[in-house]
C-alpha cells in the first residue's frame, strides 16, 4: 500500500508541476517541449486546467491517503508485537499454509511468504492467523505445512499472535 501511495503521490505532484510550469516549455536535455499555453480567460479552454488540477490533486491526495494508511498499519503492527512478547501466552500452532506473496516478487520469485497457522487458546477456541515473513527467514527455520511451531498470543485478545522463530544466529565454535 505504501508503494502505491508513493506512486500516486509522485504522479499527482508531477501533474501539478506540469501545470505550474505553464503547461509547456518544460526544460529537457535537447531543448524544450513546444506546447501552446492555455488561455485561462477563454472559458472553452479554462476547464482543461481545472481538469488537470483535479487530476493532479486527486492523485496526490489518494497517494497521501495510501501512504498514511500504510504508516498506520505499520504503527499498529509494531505496537502490538512488543505487547504480545511481554504479556503473551505461549501455545503450539500447526502451519496450515505457506504461500509466496504475489505482491512482492523479484525475477518472478516471491520475496516473502504468507504463513497461515491454526492454534487453540486457553479456552479451547481455535484461531487462524496469518503473518508475512521474508523468504530467507522461513527457509532457514525449516517451516513446512503441518509443522508444529511455538506462538504467543494475547490472553485478552487471542486473535493477536506472533510466531516465535527459532534463534538462527550463527554462533562461533566453542574453542575451550
C-alpha atoms as a PDB file:
ATOM      1  CA  UNK A   1       0.000   0.000   0.000  1.00  0.00           C
ATOM      2  CA  UNK A   2       2.888   2.352   0.723  1.00  0.00           C
ATOM      3  CA  UNK A   3       4.383   1.820  -2.751  1.00  0.00           C
ATOM      4  CA  UNK A   4       1.022   2.539  -4.386  1.00  0.00           C
ATOM      5  CA  UNK A   5       0.724   5.681  -2.287  1.00  0.00           C
ATOM      6  CA  UNK A   6       4.162   6.864  -3.302  1.00  0.00           C
ATOM      7  CA  UNK A   7       3.463   6.240  -6.991  1.00  0.00           C
ATOM      8  CA  UNK A   8       0.122   8.077  -6.876  1.00  0.00           C
ATOM      9  CA  UNK A   9       1.647  10.931  -4.890  1.00  0.00           C
ATOM     10  CA  UNK A  10       4.540  11.384  -7.351  1.00  0.00           C
ATOM     11  CA  UNK A  11       2.192  11.245 -10.358  1.00  0.00           C
ATOM     12  CA  UNK A  12      -0.075  13.826  -8.723  1.00  0.00           C
ATOM     13  CA  UNK A  13       2.829  16.136  -7.943  1.00  0.00           C
ATOM     14  CA  UNK A  14       4.117  15.650 -11.478  1.00  0.00           C
ATOM     15  CA  UNK A  15       0.802  16.764 -12.918  1.00  0.00           C
ATOM     16  CA  UNK A  16       0.795  19.783 -10.599  1.00  0.00           C
ATOM     17  CA  UNK A  17       4.387  20.614 -11.568  1.00  0.00           C
ATOM     18  CA  UNK A  18       3.477  20.381 -15.232  1.00  0.00           C
ATOM     19  CA  UNK A  19       0.561  22.761 -14.717  1.00  0.00           C
ATOM     20  CA  UNK A  20       2.609  25.115 -12.542  1.00  0.00           C
ATOM     21  CA  UNK A  21       5.226  25.346 -15.242  1.00  0.00           C
ATOM     22  CA  UNK A  22       2.636  26.775 -17.594  1.00  0.00           C
ATOM     23  CA  UNK A  23       1.542  23.512 -19.234  1.00  0.00           C
ATOM     24  CA  UNK A  24       4.514  23.629 -21.548  1.00  0.00           C
ATOM     25  CA  UNK A  25       8.067  24.840 -22.000  1.00  0.00           C
ATOM     26  CA  UNK A  26       9.460  22.151 -19.696  1.00  0.00           C
ATOM     27  CA  UNK A  27      13.264  22.004 -19.918  1.00  0.00           C
ATOM     28  CA  UNK A  28      14.801  18.871 -21.379  1.00  0.00           C
ATOM     29  CA  UNK A  29      18.322  17.969 -22.438  1.00  0.00           C
ATOM     30  CA  UNK A  30      17.835  18.902 -26.084  1.00  0.00           C
ATOM     31  CA  UNK A  31      15.668  21.953 -25.505  1.00  0.00           C
ATOM     32  CA  UNK A  32      12.062  22.460 -24.606  1.00  0.00           C
ATOM     33  CA  UNK A  33       8.729  20.823 -25.257  1.00  0.00           C
ATOM     34  CA  UNK A  34       6.923  23.183 -27.566  1.00  0.00           C
ATOM     35  CA  UNK A  35       3.302  23.282 -26.414  1.00  0.00           C
ATOM     36  CA  UNK A  36       0.858  26.130 -26.746  1.00  0.00           C
ATOM     37  CA  UNK A  37      -0.107  27.748 -23.456  1.00  0.00           C
ATOM     38  CA  UNK A  38      -3.734  27.547 -22.412  1.00  0.00           C
ATOM     39  CA  UNK A  39      -5.572  30.852 -22.239  1.00  0.00           C
ATOM     40  CA  UNK A  40      -7.378  30.930 -18.867  1.00  0.00           C
ATOM     41  CA  UNK A  41      -9.556  33.868 -19.921  1.00  0.00           C
ATOM     42  CA  UNK A  42     -11.157  31.718 -22.628  1.00  0.00           C
ATOM     43  CA  UNK A  43     -13.964  29.654 -20.988  1.00  0.00           C
ATOM     44  CA  UNK A  44     -13.603  26.977 -23.639  1.00  0.00           C
ATOM     45  CA  UNK A  45     -10.003  26.289 -22.541  1.00  0.00           C
ATOM     46  CA  UNK A  46     -10.140  27.020 -18.794  1.00  0.00           C
ATOM     47  CA  UNK A  47     -11.856  23.722 -17.957  1.00  0.00           C
ATOM     48  CA  UNK A  48      -8.732  21.871 -19.154  1.00  0.00           C
ATOM     49  CA  UNK A  49      -6.642  23.475 -16.405  1.00  0.00           C
ATOM     50  CA  UNK A  50      -9.286  22.685 -13.786  1.00  0.00           C
ATOM     51  CA  UNK A  51      -9.385  19.098 -15.005  1.00  0.00           C
ATOM     52  CA  UNK A  52      -5.619  18.856 -14.691  1.00  0.00           C
ATOM     53  CA  UNK A  53      -5.707  20.415 -11.220  1.00  0.00           C
ATOM     54  CA  UNK A  54      -8.386  17.942 -10.163  1.00  0.00           C
ATOM     55  CA  UNK A  55      -6.439  15.014 -11.603  1.00  0.00           C
ATOM     56  CA  UNK A  56      -3.155  16.105 -10.040  1.00  0.00           C
ATOM     57  CA  UNK A  57      -4.769  16.929  -6.727  1.00  0.00           C
ATOM     58  CA  UNK A  58      -6.771  13.707  -6.765  1.00  0.00           C
ATOM     59  CA  UNK A  59      -3.707  11.576  -7.429  1.00  0.00           C
ATOM     60  CA  UNK A  60      -1.681  13.427  -4.789  1.00  0.00           C
ATOM     61  CA  UNK A  61      -4.438  13.152  -2.164  1.00  0.00           C
ATOM     62  CA  UNK A  62      -5.031   9.486  -2.937  1.00  0.00           C
ATOM     63  CA  UNK A  63      -1.288   8.851  -2.709  1.00  0.00           C
ATOM     64  CA  UNK A  64      -1.043  10.684   0.599  1.00  0.00           C
ATOM     65  CA  UNK A  65      -4.003   8.662   1.908  1.00  0.00           C
ATOM     66  CA  UNK A  66      -2.365   5.350   0.907  1.00  0.00           C
ATOM     67  CA  UNK A  67       0.949   6.360   2.477  1.00  0.00           C
ATOM     68  CA  UNK A  68      -0.720   7.435   5.733  1.00  0.00           C
ATOM     69  CA  UNK A  69      -2.734   4.215   5.781  1.00  0.00           C
ATOM     70  CA  UNK A  70       0.482   2.194   5.470  1.00  0.00           C
ATOM     71  CA  UNK A  71       2.084   4.212   8.269  1.00  0.00           C
ATOM     72  CA  UNK A  72      -0.961   3.470  10.458  1.00  0.00           C
ATOM     73  CA  UNK A  73      -0.832  -0.258   9.628  1.00  0.00           C
ATOM     74  CA  UNK A  74       2.881  -0.392  10.464  1.00  0.00           C
ATOM     75  CA  UNK A  75       2.314   1.538  13.699  1.00  0.00           C
ATOM     76  CA  UNK A  76      -0.418  -0.845  14.866  1.00  0.00           C
ATOM     77  CA  UNK A  77       1.627  -3.895  13.900  1.00  0.00           C
ATOM     78  CA  UNK A  78       4.757  -2.602  15.619  1.00  0.00           C
ATOM     79  CA  UNK A  79       2.822  -1.514  18.711  1.00  0.00           C
ATOM     80  CA  UNK A  80       1.081  -4.870  19.251  1.00  0.00           C
ATOM     81  CA  UNK A  81       4.068  -7.166  18.761  1.00  0.00           C
ATOM     82  CA  UNK A  82       6.092  -5.987  21.814  1.00  0.00           C
ATOM     83  CA  UNK A  83       2.941  -6.273  23.934  1.00  0.00           C
ATOM     84  CA  UNK A  84       2.444  -9.862  22.757  1.00  0.00           C
ATOM     85  CA  UNK A  85       6.076 -10.701  23.507  1.00  0.00           C
ATOM     86  CA  UNK A  86       5.801  -9.221  27.020  1.00  0.00           C
ATOM     87  CA  UNK A  87       2.315 -10.350  28.089  1.00  0.00           C
ATOM     88  CA  UNK A  88       1.562 -13.176  25.651  1.00  0.00           C
ATOM     89  CA  UNK A  89       0.785 -16.800  26.423  1.00  0.00           C
ATOM     90  CA  UNK A  90       2.778 -19.488  24.623  1.00  0.00           C
ATOM     91  CA  UNK A  91       0.918 -22.128  22.637  1.00  0.00           C
ATOM     92  CA  UNK A  92       1.559 -24.663  19.917  1.00  0.00           C
ATOM     93  CA  UNK A  93       0.257 -23.987  16.417  1.00  0.00           C
ATOM     94  CA  UNK A  94       0.138 -26.008  13.211  1.00  0.00           C
ATOM     95  CA  UNK A  95       1.147 -24.338   9.953  1.00  0.00           C
ATOM     96  CA  UNK A  96      -1.718 -24.796   7.504  1.00  0.00           C
ATOM     97  CA  UNK A  97      -0.429 -22.787   4.528  1.00  0.00           C
ATOM     98  CA  UNK A  98       2.832 -21.359   3.228  1.00  0.00           C
ATOM     99  CA  UNK A  99       2.364 -19.288   0.110  1.00  0.00           C
ATOM    100  CA  UNK A 100       4.597 -16.892  -1.763  1.00  0.00           C
ATOM    101  CA  UNK A 101       3.323 -13.349  -1.621  1.00  0.00           C
ATOM    102  CA  UNK A 102       2.196 -12.357  -5.133  1.00  0.00           C
ATOM    103  CA  UNK A 103       2.670  -8.654  -4.402  1.00  0.00           C
ATOM    104  CA  UNK A 104       6.413  -8.605  -3.836  1.00  0.00           C
ATOM    105  CA  UNK A 105       8.465 -10.524  -6.390  1.00  0.00           C
ATOM    106  CA  UNK A 106      11.952 -10.242  -7.811  1.00  0.00           C
ATOM    107  CA  UNK A 107      12.586 -12.126 -11.063  1.00  0.00           C
ATOM    108  CA  UNK A 108       9.162 -13.753 -10.628  1.00  0.00           C
ATOM    109  CA  UNK A 109      10.233 -15.204  -7.241  1.00  0.00           C
ATOM    110  CA  UNK A 110       8.478 -14.137  -4.038  1.00  0.00           C
ATOM    111  CA  UNK A 111      10.462 -12.071  -1.547  1.00  0.00           C
ATOM    112  CA  UNK A 112       8.155 -13.009   1.304  1.00  0.00           C
ATOM    113  CA  UNK A 113       5.912 -15.862   2.348  1.00  0.00           C
ATOM    114  CA  UNK A 114       2.445 -15.695   3.827  1.00  0.00           C
ATOM    115  CA  UNK A 115       2.295 -18.209   6.678  1.00  0.00           C
ATOM    116  CA  UNK A 116      -1.112 -19.254   7.948  1.00  0.00           C
ATOM    117  CA  UNK A 117      -1.326 -21.189  11.208  1.00  0.00           C
ATOM    118  CA  UNK A 118      -4.053 -22.516  13.490  1.00  0.00           C
ATOM    119  CA  UNK A 119      -3.921 -22.744  17.276  1.00  0.00           C
ATOM    120  CA  UNK A 120      -6.130 -23.151  20.323  1.00  0.00           C
ATOM    121  CA  UNK A 121      -6.264 -20.630  23.136  1.00  0.00           C
ATOM    122  CA  UNK A 122      -6.570 -21.484  26.842  1.00  0.00           C
ATOM    123  CA  UNK A 123     -10.383 -21.695  26.492  1.00  0.00           C
ATOM    124  CA  UNK A 124     -10.133 -24.279  23.690  1.00  0.00           C
ATOM    125  CA  UNK A 125     -11.228 -21.904  20.928  1.00  0.00           C
ATOM    126  CA  UNK A 126      -9.494 -22.365  17.582  1.00  0.00           C
ATOM    127  CA  UNK A 127      -7.958 -19.321  15.910  1.00  0.00           C
ATOM    128  CA  UNK A 128      -6.335 -18.939  12.489  1.00  0.00           C
ATOM    129  CA  UNK A 129      -3.758 -16.200  11.891  1.00  0.00           C
ATOM    130  CA  UNK A 130      -1.502 -15.110   9.066  1.00  0.00           C
ATOM    131  CA  UNK A 131       1.893 -13.446   9.060  1.00  0.00           C
ATOM    132  CA  UNK A 132       4.101 -12.302   6.212  1.00  0.00           C
ATOM    133  CA  UNK A 133       7.773 -13.098   6.672  1.00  0.00           C
ATOM    134  CA  UNK A 134      10.861 -12.853   4.434  1.00  0.00           C
ATOM    135  CA  UNK A 135      11.669 -15.934   2.347  1.00  0.00           C
ATOM    136  CA  UNK A 136      15.095 -16.371   3.966  1.00  0.00           C
ATOM    137  CA  UNK A 137      13.677 -16.418   7.488  1.00  0.00           C
ATOM    138  CA  UNK A 138      11.077 -19.058   6.617  1.00  0.00           C
ATOM    139  CA  UNK A 139      13.562 -21.189   4.670  1.00  0.00           C
ATOM    140  CA  UNK A 140      16.193 -21.083   7.440  1.00  0.00           C
ATOM    141  CA  UNK A 141      13.571 -22.026  10.017  1.00  0.00           C
ATOM    142  CA  UNK A 142      12.634 -25.124   8.020  1.00  0.00           C
ATOM    143  CA  UNK A 143       8.914 -24.406   8.220  1.00  0.00           C
ATOM    144  CA  UNK A 144       6.660 -26.545   6.054  1.00  0.00           C
ATOM    145  CA  UNK A 145       2.919 -27.193   6.015  1.00  0.00           C
ATOM    146  CA  UNK A 146       1.845 -29.232   9.093  1.00  0.00           C
ATOM    147  CA  UNK A 147       4.929 -28.176  11.063  1.00  0.00           C
ATOM    148  CA  UNK A 148       4.197 -27.518  14.736  1.00  0.00           C
ATOM    149  CA  UNK A 149       5.526 -24.101  15.815  1.00  0.00           C
ATOM    150  CA  UNK A 150       5.513 -22.148  19.044  1.00  0.00           C
ATOM    151  CA  UNK A 151       3.500 -18.940  19.088  1.00  0.00           C
ATOM    152  CA  UNK A 152       2.480 -16.318  21.600  1.00  0.00           C
ATOM    153  CA  UNK A 153      -0.973 -14.745  21.742  1.00  0.00           C
ATOM    154  CA  UNK A 154      -2.604 -12.108  23.913  1.00  0.00           C
ATOM    155  CA  UNK A 155      -4.838 -13.652  26.578  1.00  0.00           C
ATOM    156  CA  UNK A 156      -7.319 -10.743  26.377  1.00  0.00           C
ATOM    157  CA  UNK A 157      -7.354 -10.841  22.534  1.00  0.00           C
ATOM    158  CA  UNK A 158      -6.337 -14.311  21.293  1.00  0.00           C
ATOM    159  CA  UNK A 159      -6.713 -13.241  17.648  1.00  0.00           C
ATOM    160  CA  UNK A 160      -3.436 -11.293  18.007  1.00  0.00           C
ATOM    161  CA  UNK A 161      -0.466 -13.638  17.847  1.00  0.00           C
ATOM    162  CA  UNK A 162       3.124 -13.956  16.649  1.00  0.00           C
ATOM    163  CA  UNK A 163       5.251 -16.926  15.635  1.00  0.00           C
ATOM    164  CA  UNK A 164       8.322 -17.467  17.804  1.00  0.00           C
ATOM    165  CA  UNK A 165      11.011 -18.234  15.265  1.00  0.00           C
ATOM    166  CA  UNK A 166      13.946 -20.347  16.442  1.00  0.00           C
ATOM    167  CA  UNK A 167      17.179 -18.486  17.116  1.00  0.00           C
ATOM    168  CA  UNK A 168      19.156 -18.938  13.899  1.00  0.00           C
ATOM    169  CA  UNK A 169      22.066 -16.615  14.618  1.00  0.00           C
ATOM    170  CA  UNK A 170      25.343 -18.336  13.836  1.00  0.00           C
ATOM    171  CA  UNK A 171      27.482 -18.883  16.892  1.00  0.00           C
ATOM    172  CA  UNK A 172      31.260 -19.067  16.876  1.00  0.00           C
ATOM    173  CA  UNK A 173      32.622 -22.540  17.642  1.00  0.00           C
ATOM    174  CA  UNK A 174      33.456 -23.265  21.250  1.00  0.00           C
ATOM    175  CA  UNK A 175      37.232 -23.137  21.390  1.00  0.00           C
ATOM    176  CA  UNK A 176      37.652 -24.111  25.053  1.00  0.00           C
END
